[in-house]
Amino acid sequence: MKLSLEGLQVKTGWETYRLPTYDIAAVRERTAKNPTWLHFGAGSIFRAYPAMLVQRLLTAGLMDTGIIVCESYDEELIDRAYRPFDNLSVATTLHADGFIKKEVIASITESLKLSEDWDRVREIFCDPGLQMVSFTVTEKAYTLREGNREFKDCVVGDLARGPEHCDNVITAAAAMCLERRKVTDKPLALVSLDNCSHNGNRLHRAILEVARAWKENGFVTDEDIQYLTTQIFCPYSMIDKITPAPDKRILDVLHEDGLEDLTITQTEKGTFAAAFTNSEKTQYLLIEDRFPNGHPPLEQTGVIFTTRNVVDRTARMKSATCLNPIDTSNAIFGSLFSYPTIAETMRDVDLQRFNRKMSYGEAVPMVTDPGIVDPWEFLHEALTERLPNPYVPDQPQRIATDTSHKLGVRYGETILAYYDSKLPKHRVSRLRYIPFVLAGWLRYLIGVDDAGKPMELAPDPRLPALKEILGDIELGMSVPMRRIEPIICDKFIFGVNLAEVGLDDTVLFYFNEMLKGPGAVRTMLKRVCSDEIFFHYN
């Protein structure tokens, strides 16, 4: 069995796989001439979710064009996971009872590299029938400036050269929208499918920030900026589907089925590449209904088109209350306790108890009920079914990636809600679980696990600066406030100044307790979850 267009013609061996039933060649021909959906970001979540939705629509005859993907950051993915397999992929859905559903996805009609296929991307953008351009490029991609307000290195060159050819995905999107303006008066929807609140606003703001910088350099006009402001729409979205990096256990299953030539490799930039995805069954996608040029009938696949307010409230429910805070807690303490998977952290009795207390006791009281997804049911499902699923091979080390860009959304919004609350029972000084996670992150940054052994830290753009502050801190030390104050007061990291809201002493106390020696993190975790009142500030 070979994962290729030719290999699909050989029916023997594919009995346990769901295969495409539509005319793949015809779909590719129509899409090349009349593209409707372009996507930036060729990672696993794209193939496991958006591409899967298009597959459903093609199968049902509700759509006759596929989806085109373009990669800008790690273009090696295209060479390793797409083109050798004729842009086909195997999507495996991992059920909690161990059943693995396997399907060959053929809805991806082209795989492009931004650096090499600039002209083709421009051609797609300029097509009047293009309805949407979506993104899964991680939340950090929408932040173009450093903490000192200077532009990041990844966009400086593009801003200086202008929109003729760009390397960064956001500057490229801005340039392509301007190219569209030259050819057609049709508006366009750019849809962030990244896991961050207000993602549509972040994307639109970044696009306009690029355009204004180009205007200062004489590359664009006021009319160009007006077009980007009024004719480019960036709907909010909330996406949720746990999709870990490709797992060897799943690869072994595919090999046992007889699939040849499938491997898991790592690119030079550290991305794990494979022609298959492994993800959970549960999935949610809500999108604000702002598509000026129409959209594929995704509502037929369970996607909910609704108002911005409902999407925003659902995203906040997920990202600040019912899932992402637990994810980051598991990532930090799972790494410190050397657990290989998230499912194993969920079997840790102490972490299990902590996550429940943090979620039900501190996060849920500040949840915004979206009215379309029940927060209590969502949280219960996450704690009892989704995260403990032993067949979803997600890793604490993967979730710990870019934590400095996640804490503000996942905890800062809840802290701010307590800070702004007029109810005495919601005083910030009463918080004990959320600040423990923040202190746990500082302890994680020391690079030593709870057994006292060296521990590799996950990639994070702020890591060099954070290491400079925490570099020589060791177990057994007691750290004064002035040492960690630059981090504690950094609103870019936490979304709030922890000293300003009154959590600085709490975080420092926890941090120093966890620094006492091997096993101190576990000891403190037990104390925090006990009924012992061992400190009180303010």
Protein backbone atom coordinates (compact mmCIF):
# COMPACT_ATOMS: atom_id res chain seq x y z
CA MET A 1 0.00 0.00 0.00
CA LYS A 2 1.30 3.39 -0.98
CA LEU A 3 -0.16 6.75 -0.02
CA SER A 4 -0.35 8.22 -3.52
CA LEU A 5 -2.91 8.80 -6.24
CA GLU A 6 -1.65 5.68 -8.00
CA GLY A 7 -1.68 3.72 -4.74
CA LEU A 8 -5.37 4.51 -4.18
CA GLN A 9 -6.20 2.76 -7.43
CA VAL A 10 -5.09 -0.52 -5.83
CA LYS A 11 -8.10 -1.33 -3.66
CA THR A 12 -6.52 -4.27 -1.82
CA GLY A 13 -5.35 -3.37 1.70
CA TRP A 14 -7.50 -0.27 2.15
CA GLU A 15 -10.45 -2.14 3.65
CA THR A 16 -10.14 -0.50 7.09
CA TYR A 17 -9.74 3.00 5.64
CA ARG A 18 -12.37 5.45 4.48
CA LEU A 19 -11.30 6.52 0.98
CA PRO A 20 -12.35 9.55 -1.09
CA THR A 21 -15.41 8.81 -3.19
CA TYR A 22 -15.26 11.95 -5.34
CA ASP A 23 -13.25 12.51 -8.51
CA ILE A 24 -9.94 13.78 -7.11
CA ALA A 25 -8.54 14.83 -10.49
CA ALA A 26 -11.68 16.80 -11.37
CA VAL A 27 -11.68 18.55 -7.98
CA ARG A 28 -8.04 19.53 -8.43
CA GLU A 29 -8.66 20.87 -11.91
CA ARG A 30 -11.64 22.97 -10.79
CA THR A 31 -9.77 24.29 -7.74
CA ALA A 32 -6.76 25.32 -9.83
CA LYS A 33 -9.04 27.39 -12.08
CA ASN A 34 -11.50 28.67 -9.47
CA PRO A 35 -10.00 28.61 -5.96
CA THR A 36 -12.39 29.34 -3.10
CA TRP A 37 -10.33 28.60 0.04
CA LEU A 38 -6.64 29.19 0.71
CA HIS A 39 -5.03 28.27 4.01
CA PHE A 40 -1.73 29.41 5.57
CA GLY A 41 -0.06 26.92 7.91
CA ALA A 42 0.61 23.34 6.82
CA GLY A 43 0.72 21.76 10.28
CA SER A 44 -1.22 18.83 11.67
CA ILE A 45 -4.27 20.78 12.88
CA PHE A 46 -4.90 21.98 9.31
CA ARG A 47 -5.02 18.46 7.89
CA ALA A 48 -6.94 17.03 10.86
CA TYR A 49 -9.69 19.68 10.87
CA PRO A 50 -10.15 22.27 8.05
CA ALA A 51 -9.02 19.83 5.35
CA MET A 52 -11.24 17.16 6.89
CA LEU A 53 -14.25 19.53 6.74
CA VAL A 54 -13.65 20.14 3.04
CA GLN A 55 -13.40 16.37 2.56
CA ARG A 56 -16.86 16.00 4.12
CA LEU A 57 -18.35 18.65 1.83
CA LEU A 58 -16.78 17.13 -1.27
CA THR A 59 -18.06 13.69 -0.32
CA ALA A 60 -21.59 15.03 0.21
CA GLY A 61 -21.52 16.93 -3.09
CA LEU A 62 -21.95 20.24 -1.27
CA MET A 63 -18.66 21.63 -2.58
CA ASP A 64 -16.85 21.02 -5.84
CA THR A 65 -13.49 22.66 -5.10
CA GLY A 66 -10.87 21.71 -2.54
CA ILE A 67 -8.54 23.65 -0.29
CA ILE A 68 -5.07 24.97 -1.11
CA VAL A 69 -2.39 25.20 1.57
CA CYS A 70 0.61 27.52 1.72
CA GLU A 71 3.46 27.26 4.22
CA SER A 72 5.61 30.28 5.05
CA TYR A 73 7.48 29.45 8.26
CA ASP A 74 8.71 25.85 7.89
CA GLU A 75 8.57 25.15 4.17
CA GLU A 76 10.39 21.86 4.67
CA LEU A 77 7.01 20.47 5.74
CA ILE A 78 5.82 20.68 2.14
CA ASP A 79 8.75 18.60 0.91
CA ARG A 80 8.38 15.98 3.64
CA ALA A 81 4.68 15.59 4.34
CA TYR A 82 2.85 16.77 1.23
CA ARG A 83 4.46 16.53 -2.20
CA PRO A 84 5.98 13.03 -1.87
CA PHE A 85 2.43 11.76 -1.19
CA ASP A 86 0.57 13.71 -3.91
CA ASN A 87 -0.81 16.00 -1.18
CA LEU A 88 -2.73 13.08 0.34
CA SER A 89 -2.70 12.41 4.07
CA VAL A 90 -4.09 9.88 6.50
CA ALA A 91 -6.22 11.30 9.30
CA THR A 92 -6.50 9.03 12.33
CA THR A 93 -9.13 9.78 14.95
CA LEU A 94 -8.30 8.32 18.36
CA HIS A 95 -11.28 7.19 20.45
CA ALA A 96 -11.03 6.75 24.21
CA ASP A 97 -11.85 3.02 23.92
CA GLY A 98 -8.81 2.47 21.69
CA PHE A 99 -10.63 2.40 18.36
CA ILE A 100 -8.73 4.22 15.59
CA LYS A 101 -10.73 5.62 12.69
CA LYS A 102 -8.58 5.99 9.57
CA GLU A 103 -9.35 8.11 6.53
CA VAL A 104 -7.39 9.22 3.47
CA ILE A 105 -7.81 12.96 2.98
CA ALA A 106 -7.62 14.16 -0.64
CA SER A 107 -9.21 17.60 -0.30
CA ILE A 108 -5.84 19.41 -0.37
CA THR A 109 -5.34 20.18 -4.05
CA GLU A 110 -2.08 22.16 -3.95
CA SER A 111 0.74 22.61 -1.43
CA LEU A 112 2.70 25.83 -1.87
CA LYS A 113 5.80 27.42 -0.42
CA LEU A 114 5.55 31.16 0.05
CA SER A 115 9.17 31.74 -0.97
CA GLU A 116 8.91 29.76 -4.22
CA ASP A 117 5.25 30.08 -5.17
CA TRP A 118 4.68 33.80 -4.61
CA ASP A 119 3.16 34.31 -8.06
CA ARG A 120 0.72 31.41 -7.60
CA VAL A 121 -0.36 32.69 -4.19
CA ARG A 122 -0.91 36.13 -5.72
CA GLU A 123 -2.97 34.57 -8.52
CA ILE A 124 -5.17 32.82 -5.96
CA PHE A 125 -5.66 36.01 -3.92
CA CYS A 126 -6.66 37.93 -7.03
CA ASP A 127 -9.33 35.44 -8.07
CA PRO A 128 -12.76 37.10 -7.66
CA GLY A 129 -14.25 33.79 -6.49
CA LEU A 130 -11.90 33.39 -3.54
CA GLN A 131 -14.10 33.38 -0.45
CA MET A 132 -11.77 32.93 2.48
CA VAL A 133 -8.14 32.73 3.52
CA SER A 134 -7.60 30.98 6.84
CA PHE A 135 -4.59 30.75 9.15
CA THR A 136 -3.17 28.29 11.67
CA VAL A 137 0.17 30.01 12.30
CA THR A 138 0.15 30.08 16.16
CA GLU A 139 -0.85 33.07 18.25
CA LYS A 140 2.67 34.53 18.35
CA ALA A 141 2.53 35.22 14.60
CA TYR A 142 0.07 38.07 15.15
CA THR A 143 2.40 39.98 17.46
CA LEU A 144 4.75 41.97 15.24
CA ARG A 145 6.57 43.94 17.93
CA GLU A 146 8.83 43.05 20.82
CA GLY A 147 8.09 44.13 24.37
CA ASN A 148 10.07 47.33 23.71
CA ARG A 149 7.66 48.16 20.85
CA GLU A 150 10.33 47.62 18.20
CA PHE A 151 9.36 45.49 15.22
CA LYS A 152 10.51 41.88 15.37
CA ASP A 153 13.38 40.77 13.16
CA CYS A 154 11.03 38.50 11.19
CA VAL A 155 9.17 41.50 9.72
CA VAL A 156 11.80 44.25 9.65
CA GLY A 157 13.11 43.25 6.22
CA ASP A 158 9.64 43.00 4.69
CA LEU A 159 8.65 46.41 6.04
CA ALA A 160 11.79 47.96 4.57
CA ARG A 161 11.46 46.27 1.16
CA GLY A 162 7.75 46.84 0.70
CA PRO A 163 4.96 44.55 -0.51
CA GLU A 164 6.60 43.23 -3.68
CA HIS A 165 7.80 40.03 -2.01
CA CYS A 166 7.57 39.09 1.67
CA ASP A 167 8.85 36.29 3.86
CA ASN A 168 6.55 36.70 6.87
CA VAL A 169 3.02 35.31 6.71
CA ILE A 170 1.34 38.49 8.01
CA THR A 171 3.24 40.87 5.74
CA ALA A 172 2.58 38.48 2.85
CA ALA A 173 -1.15 38.46 3.59
CA ALA A 174 -1.19 42.26 3.65
CA ALA A 175 0.70 42.40 0.36
CA MET A 176 -1.62 39.88 -1.28
CA CYS A 177 -4.72 41.79 -0.20
CA LEU A 178 -3.27 44.89 -1.84
CA GLU A 179 -2.65 42.85 -5.00
CA ARG A 180 -6.30 41.79 -4.90
CA ARG A 181 -7.34 45.44 -4.78
CA LYS A 182 -5.55 46.07 -8.07
CA VAL A 183 -7.42 43.28 -9.87
CA THR A 184 -10.91 43.07 -8.39
CA ASP A 185 -13.22 45.09 -6.17
CA LYS A 186 -14.40 41.94 -4.40
CA PRO A 187 -13.96 41.94 -0.62
CA LEU A 188 -12.39 39.01 1.23
CA ALA A 189 -12.52 37.28 4.60
CA LEU A 190 -9.27 36.43 6.41
CA VAL A 191 -10.03 33.92 9.16
CA SER A 192 -7.62 33.16 11.99
CA LEU A 193 -8.15 29.62 13.24
CA ASP A 194 -5.51 30.00 15.90
CA ASN A 195 -6.11 29.29 19.53
CA CYS A 196 -6.26 32.79 20.97
CA SER A 197 -9.04 35.15 22.00
CA HIS A 198 -9.99 38.02 19.70
CA ASN A 199 -8.02 36.28 16.95
CA GLY A 200 -9.85 38.14 14.19
CA ASN A 201 -9.02 41.49 15.74
CA ARG A 202 -5.39 40.45 16.23
CA LEU A 203 -5.10 39.46 12.59
CA HIS A 204 -6.74 42.62 11.23
CA ARG A 205 -4.72 44.84 13.54
CA ALA A 206 -1.49 43.17 12.40
CA ILE A 207 -2.42 43.59 8.71
CA LEU A 208 -3.13 47.29 9.23
CA GLU A 209 0.05 47.73 11.26
CA VAL A 210 2.04 46.41 8.31
CA ALA A 211 0.20 48.68 5.88
CA ARG A 212 0.78 51.79 7.98
CA ALA A 213 4.50 51.00 8.21
CA TRP A 214 4.59 50.65 4.42
CA LYS A 215 2.76 53.96 4.06
CA GLU A 216 5.43 55.66 6.17
CA ASN A 217 8.03 54.19 3.81
CA GLY A 218 6.12 55.38 0.75
CA PHE A 219 4.96 52.00 -0.56
CA VAL A 220 1.19 52.29 -0.13
CA THR A 221 -1.45 55.02 -0.18
CA ASP A 222 -4.30 56.11 2.06
CA GLU A 223 -6.66 54.43 -0.42
CA ASP A 224 -4.82 51.13 0.08
CA ILE A 225 -5.26 51.38 3.83
CA GLN A 226 -8.91 52.28 3.35
CA TYR A 227 -9.39 49.10 1.31
CA LEU A 228 -7.75 46.97 3.99
CA THR A 229 -9.90 48.65 6.63
CA THR A 230 -13.29 48.38 4.89
CA GLN A 231 -13.05 45.49 2.41
CA ILE A 232 -10.92 42.96 4.29
CA PHE A 233 -12.99 41.25 6.98
CA CYS A 234 -11.43 39.26 9.82
CA PRO A 235 -14.13 37.25 11.61
CA TYR A 236 -13.53 35.96 15.11
CA SER A 237 -13.33 32.19 15.52
CA MET A 238 -13.04 29.61 18.27
CA ILE A 239 -11.41 26.32 17.29
CA ASP A 240 -10.85 23.34 19.54
CA LYS A 241 -9.46 19.94 18.58
CA ILE A 242 -6.51 18.31 20.34
CA THR A 243 -4.03 17.35 17.62
CA PRO A 244 -0.64 16.25 18.96
CA ALA A 245 2.50 15.81 16.91
CA PRO A 246 2.55 12.58 14.85
CA ASP A 247 3.04 9.65 17.20
CA LYS A 248 5.16 6.54 16.58
CA ARG A 249 2.50 4.25 18.02
CA ILE A 250 0.10 5.40 15.31
CA LEU A 251 2.82 5.05 12.69
CA ASP A 252 3.31 1.44 13.81
CA VAL A 253 -0.41 0.78 13.33
CA LEU A 254 -0.28 2.20 9.80
CA HIS A 255 2.79 0.09 9.04
CA GLU A 256 1.00 -3.01 10.29
CA ASP A 257 -1.82 -2.19 7.87
CA GLY A 258 0.73 -2.33 5.07
CA LEU A 259 1.24 1.37 4.38
CA GLU A 260 4.74 1.89 3.02
CA ASP A 261 7.09 4.89 2.97
CA LEU A 262 5.45 6.62 5.95
CA THR A 263 7.91 8.05 8.47
CA ILE A 264 8.12 10.69 11.17
CA THR A 265 10.95 13.14 10.58
CA GLN A 266 11.99 16.42 12.10
CA THR A 267 12.71 19.49 10.05
CA GLU A 268 15.66 21.78 10.65
CA LYS A 269 13.29 24.15 12.46
CA GLY A 270 12.20 21.36 14.79
CA THR A 271 8.77 20.57 13.36
CA PHE A 272 7.74 16.92 13.36
CA ALA A 273 6.61 16.02 9.85
CA ALA A 274 4.56 13.03 8.71
CA ALA A 275 1.94 12.26 6.09
CA PHE A 276 -0.58 11.35 8.79
CA THR A 277 -2.25 13.09 11.70
CA ASN A 278 -3.50 11.76 15.04
CA SER A 279 -6.23 13.68 16.82
CA GLU A 280 -9.15 13.32 19.20
CA LYS A 281 -12.76 12.86 18.11
CA THR A 282 -14.12 15.94 19.91
CA GLN A 283 -14.01 19.15 17.91
CA TYR A 284 -15.57 22.61 18.02
CA LEU A 285 -15.46 25.43 15.50
CA LEU A 286 -17.45 28.64 15.84
CA ILE A 287 -16.93 31.48 13.36
CA GLU A 288 -18.35 34.97 13.30
CA ASP A 289 -20.68 35.24 10.32
CA ARG A 290 -18.85 37.99 8.39
CA PHE A 291 -18.04 36.65 4.94
CA PRO A 292 -18.60 39.40 2.36
CA ASN A 293 -17.84 37.09 -0.59
CA GLY A 294 -19.63 34.01 0.76
CA HIS A 295 -18.17 30.91 2.37
CA PRO A 296 -18.23 27.13 1.86
CA PRO A 297 -21.32 25.50 3.47
CA LEU A 298 -19.37 24.53 6.58
CA GLU A 299 -22.52 24.70 8.69
CA GLN A 300 -23.38 21.34 7.10
CA THR A 301 -20.39 19.82 8.90
CA GLY A 302 -21.28 21.14 12.35
CA VAL A 303 -19.41 24.46 12.19
CA ILE A 304 -21.44 27.15 13.96
CA PHE A 305 -21.73 30.56 12.28
CA THR A 306 -22.87 33.08 14.85
CA THR A 307 -22.28 36.58 16.21
CA ARG A 308 -18.94 38.05 17.27
CA ASN A 309 -20.13 38.24 20.87
CA VAL A 310 -21.00 34.54 21.02
CA VAL A 311 -17.70 33.52 19.41
CA ASP A 312 -15.75 35.79 21.76
CA ARG A 313 -17.53 34.50 24.85
CA THR A 314 -17.01 30.89 23.77
CA ALA A 315 -13.32 31.51 23.07
CA ARG A 316 -12.88 33.14 26.46
CA MET A 317 -14.71 30.27 28.12
CA LYS A 318 -12.32 27.80 26.53
CA SER A 319 -9.05 29.74 26.62
CA ALA A 320 -9.38 31.44 30.01
CA THR A 321 -11.46 28.94 31.95
CA CYS A 322 -12.40 25.47 30.79
CA LEU A 323 -9.51 23.95 28.84
CA ASN A 324 -6.39 25.97 28.08
CA PRO A 325 -5.53 26.83 31.72
CA ILE A 326 -5.63 23.10 32.53
CA ASP A 327 -3.48 22.43 29.45
CA THR A 328 -0.79 24.84 30.58
CA SER A 329 -0.93 23.58 34.18
CA ASN A 330 -0.39 20.03 32.87
CA ALA A 331 2.41 21.21 30.60
CA ILE A 332 4.34 22.92 33.39
CA PHE A 333 3.92 20.36 36.15
CA GLY A 334 3.92 17.43 33.74
CA SER A 335 7.37 18.56 32.60
CA LEU A 336 8.58 19.07 36.16
CA PHE A 337 7.38 15.56 37.08
CA SER A 338 8.80 14.08 33.84
CA TYR A 339 5.53 12.71 32.52
CA PRO A 340 5.72 11.73 28.83
CA THR A 341 2.05 12.40 28.00
CA ILE A 342 -0.79 14.68 29.09
CA ALA A 343 -2.93 11.61 29.79
CA GLU A 344 -0.43 10.51 32.44
CA THR A 345 -0.53 13.91 34.14
CA MET A 346 -4.30 13.48 34.33
CA ARG A 347 -3.79 10.22 36.22
CA ASP A 348 -1.62 11.95 38.83
CA VAL A 349 -3.90 12.22 41.87
CA ASP A 350 -2.34 15.49 43.08
CA LEU A 351 -2.51 17.19 39.67
CA GLN A 352 -6.02 15.85 39.15
CA ARG A 353 -7.12 17.41 42.41
CA PHE A 354 -5.28 20.66 41.65
CA ASN A 355 -6.84 21.06 38.19
CA ARG A 356 -10.31 20.54 39.58
CA LYS A 357 -9.80 23.06 42.37
CA MET A 358 -8.27 25.61 40.00
CA SER A 359 -11.01 25.15 37.39
CA TYR A 360 -14.12 24.89 39.52
CA GLY A 361 -12.91 27.05 42.41
CA GLU A 362 -11.18 29.97 40.66
CA ALA A 363 -11.74 29.96 36.90
CA VAL A 364 -15.43 29.05 36.53
CA PRO A 365 -16.69 31.79 38.90
CA MET A 366 -15.42 34.30 36.32
CA VAL A 367 -16.52 32.40 33.21
CA THR A 368 -18.60 34.14 30.57
CA ASP A 369 -21.38 31.75 29.54
CA PRO A 370 -21.67 31.94 25.74
CA GLY A 371 -25.14 30.44 25.80
CA ILE A 372 -24.33 28.10 22.90
CA VAL A 373 -21.83 25.78 24.65
CA ASP A 374 -22.40 24.98 28.32
CA PRO A 375 -19.21 25.83 30.33
CA TRP A 376 -19.84 23.19 32.99
CA GLU A 377 -20.38 20.43 30.43
CA PHE A 378 -17.36 21.61 28.41
CA LEU A 379 -15.15 21.58 31.53
CA HIS A 380 -16.48 18.20 32.69
CA GLU A 381 -15.79 16.71 29.25
CA ALA A 382 -12.25 18.12 29.27
CA LEU A 383 -11.44 16.79 32.75
CA THR A 384 -13.05 13.37 32.47
CA GLU A 385 -12.88 12.39 28.78
CA ARG A 386 -10.66 14.49 26.54
CA LEU A 387 -7.47 15.15 28.49
CA PRO A 388 -7.34 11.69 30.19
CA ASN A 389 -7.70 9.88 26.82
CA PRO A 390 -4.63 7.56 26.86
CA TYR A 391 -4.79 7.15 23.08
CA VAL A 392 -4.23 10.87 22.37
CA PRO A 393 -0.44 11.06 22.64
CA ASP A 394 -0.07 14.75 23.48
CA GLN A 395 3.02 15.76 25.43
CA PRO A 396 3.55 18.30 28.21
CA GLN A 397 6.71 19.43 26.45
CA ARG A 398 4.76 20.32 23.29
CA ILE A 399 2.07 22.20 25.19
CA ALA A 400 4.82 24.11 27.07
CA THR A 401 5.97 25.70 23.81
CA ASP A 402 5.61 29.52 23.76
CA THR A 403 4.16 29.62 27.28
CA SER A 404 5.21 33.26 27.71
CA HIS A 405 2.70 34.11 24.96
CA LYS A 406 -0.10 32.06 26.53
CA LEU A 407 -0.18 33.01 30.20
CA GLY A 408 -1.80 36.40 29.63
CA VAL A 409 -4.83 34.88 27.92
CA ARG A 410 -5.07 31.68 29.94
CA TYR A 411 -4.74 33.27 33.38
CA GLY A 412 -4.40 37.03 33.04
CA GLU A 413 -7.99 37.58 31.95
CA THR A 414 -9.31 35.71 34.99
CA ILE A 415 -6.96 37.59 37.33
CA LEU A 416 -8.14 40.88 35.83
CA ALA A 417 -11.77 39.85 36.29
CA TYR A 418 -11.10 39.26 39.99
CA TYR A 419 -9.21 42.55 40.24
CA ASP A 420 -12.13 44.46 38.71
CA SER A 421 -14.80 42.65 40.72
CA LYS A 422 -16.61 44.58 43.45
CA LEU A 423 -17.51 41.41 45.37
CA PRO A 424 -15.39 40.81 48.52
CA LYS A 425 -15.37 37.06 47.87
CA HIS A 426 -13.62 37.73 44.55
CA ARG A 427 -10.60 39.56 45.94
CA VAL A 428 -7.42 38.77 44.03
CA SER A 429 -5.60 38.04 47.28
CA ARG A 430 -7.84 34.98 47.76
CA LEU A 431 -6.46 33.28 44.66
CA ARG A 432 -4.16 30.37 45.46
CA TYR A 433 -4.23 27.97 42.48
CA ILE A 434 -3.73 30.31 39.52
CA PRO A 435 -0.69 32.03 41.12
CA PHE A 436 0.70 28.58 41.87
CA VAL A 437 0.76 27.82 38.13
CA LEU A 438 2.54 31.12 37.45
CA ALA A 439 5.11 30.33 40.12
CA GLY A 440 5.39 26.82 38.71
CA TRP A 441 6.30 28.32 35.35
CA LEU A 442 9.12 30.32 36.97
CA ARG A 443 10.30 27.11 38.65
CA TYR A 444 10.09 25.31 35.27
CA LEU A 445 12.31 27.98 33.70
CA ILE A 446 15.18 26.95 36.02
CA GLY A 447 15.58 23.93 33.73
CA VAL A 448 15.69 21.35 36.56
CA ASP A 449 12.85 18.89 37.18
CA ASP A 450 11.41 18.04 40.59
CA ALA A 451 13.85 15.16 40.97
CA GLY A 452 16.73 17.63 40.64
CA LYS A 453 17.74 16.49 37.15
CA PRO A 454 18.45 18.80 34.18
CA MET A 455 15.38 19.31 32.00
CA GLU A 456 15.18 20.58 28.44
CA LEU A 457 12.90 23.60 28.05
CA ALA A 458 10.38 23.90 25.24
CA PRO A 459 10.96 26.60 22.60
CA ASP A 460 9.79 30.06 23.58
CA PRO A 461 10.67 33.40 21.95
CA ARG A 462 11.17 35.02 25.37
CA LEU A 463 13.45 32.26 26.64
CA PRO A 464 16.80 34.07 26.13
CA ALA A 465 15.62 37.14 28.06
CA LEU A 466 14.04 35.01 30.79
CA LYS A 467 17.20 32.92 31.18
CA GLU A 468 19.22 36.11 31.54
CA ILE A 469 17.10 37.02 34.57
CA LEU A 470 16.85 33.54 36.11
CA GLY A 471 20.05 32.01 34.73
CA ASP A 472 22.07 31.23 37.86
CA ILE A 473 19.19 30.41 40.21
CA GLU A 474 19.59 26.92 41.66
CA LEU A 475 17.71 24.61 43.99
CA GLY A 476 18.26 25.54 47.60
CA MET A 477 18.37 29.29 46.94
CA SER A 478 15.95 31.87 48.31
CA VAL A 479 15.25 34.51 45.68
CA PRO A 480 14.48 38.14 46.63
CA MET A 481 11.65 40.00 44.92
CA ARG A 482 14.02 42.35 43.09
CA ARG A 483 15.43 39.38 41.21
CA ILE A 484 12.19 38.34 39.54
CA GLU A 485 10.50 41.75 39.51
CA PRO A 486 11.18 42.35 35.76
CA ILE A 487 9.15 39.21 35.03
CA ILE A 488 6.49 39.73 37.70
CA CYS A 489 5.71 43.21 36.37
CA ASP A 490 5.66 42.25 32.69
CA LYS A 491 2.12 42.77 31.38
CA PHE A 492 3.18 41.29 28.04
CA ILE A 493 3.65 37.92 29.76
CA PHE A 494 0.84 37.79 32.32
CA GLY A 495 -1.65 40.21 30.83
CA VAL A 496 -1.46 42.13 34.11
CA ASN A 497 1.26 43.52 36.34
CA LEU A 498 1.24 40.96 39.15
CA ALA A 499 2.66 43.51 41.59
CA GLU A 500 -0.05 45.98 40.69
CA VAL A 501 -2.89 43.51 41.34
CA GLY A 502 -1.27 42.20 44.52
CA LEU A 503 -0.15 38.70 43.52
CA ASP A 504 3.60 39.34 43.50
CA ASP A 505 4.20 38.19 47.07
CA THR A 506 2.07 35.08 46.57
CA VAL A 507 3.97 34.05 43.45
CA LEU A 508 7.34 34.73 45.09
CA PHE A 509 6.35 32.69 48.15
CA TYR A 510 5.35 29.71 46.03
CA PHE A 511 8.47 30.05 43.87
CA ASN A 512 10.86 30.00 46.82
CA GLU A 513 9.03 27.07 48.42
CA MET A 514 9.40 25.07 45.19
CA LEU A 515 13.11 25.93 45.04
CA LYS A 516 13.93 24.32 48.40
CA GLY A 517 15.21 21.11 46.84
CA PRO A 518 14.25 17.89 45.04
CA GLY A 519 10.62 16.99 45.69
CA ALA A 520 9.71 20.52 46.77
CA VAL A 521 7.29 21.02 43.86
CA ARG A 522 5.34 17.91 44.81
CA THR A 523 5.34 18.90 48.46
CA MET A 524 4.03 22.38 47.66
CA LEU A 525 1.41 21.01 45.27
CA LYS A 526 0.01 18.87 48.07
CA ARG A 527 0.02 21.82 50.48
CA VAL A 528 -1.78 24.09 48.02
CA CYS A 529 -4.48 21.49 47.49
CA SER A 530 -4.91 20.86 51.22
CA ASP A 531 -7.17 22.90 53.45
CA GLU A 532 -4.14 24.34 55.23
CA ILE A 533 -4.13 28.14 55.30
CA PHE A 534 -0.40 28.78 55.32
CA PHE A 535 -0.22 32.36 54.14
CA HIS A 536 -2.36 35.46 53.82
CA TYR A 537 -1.52 38.68 52.05
CA ASN A 538 -3.42 41.95 51.82
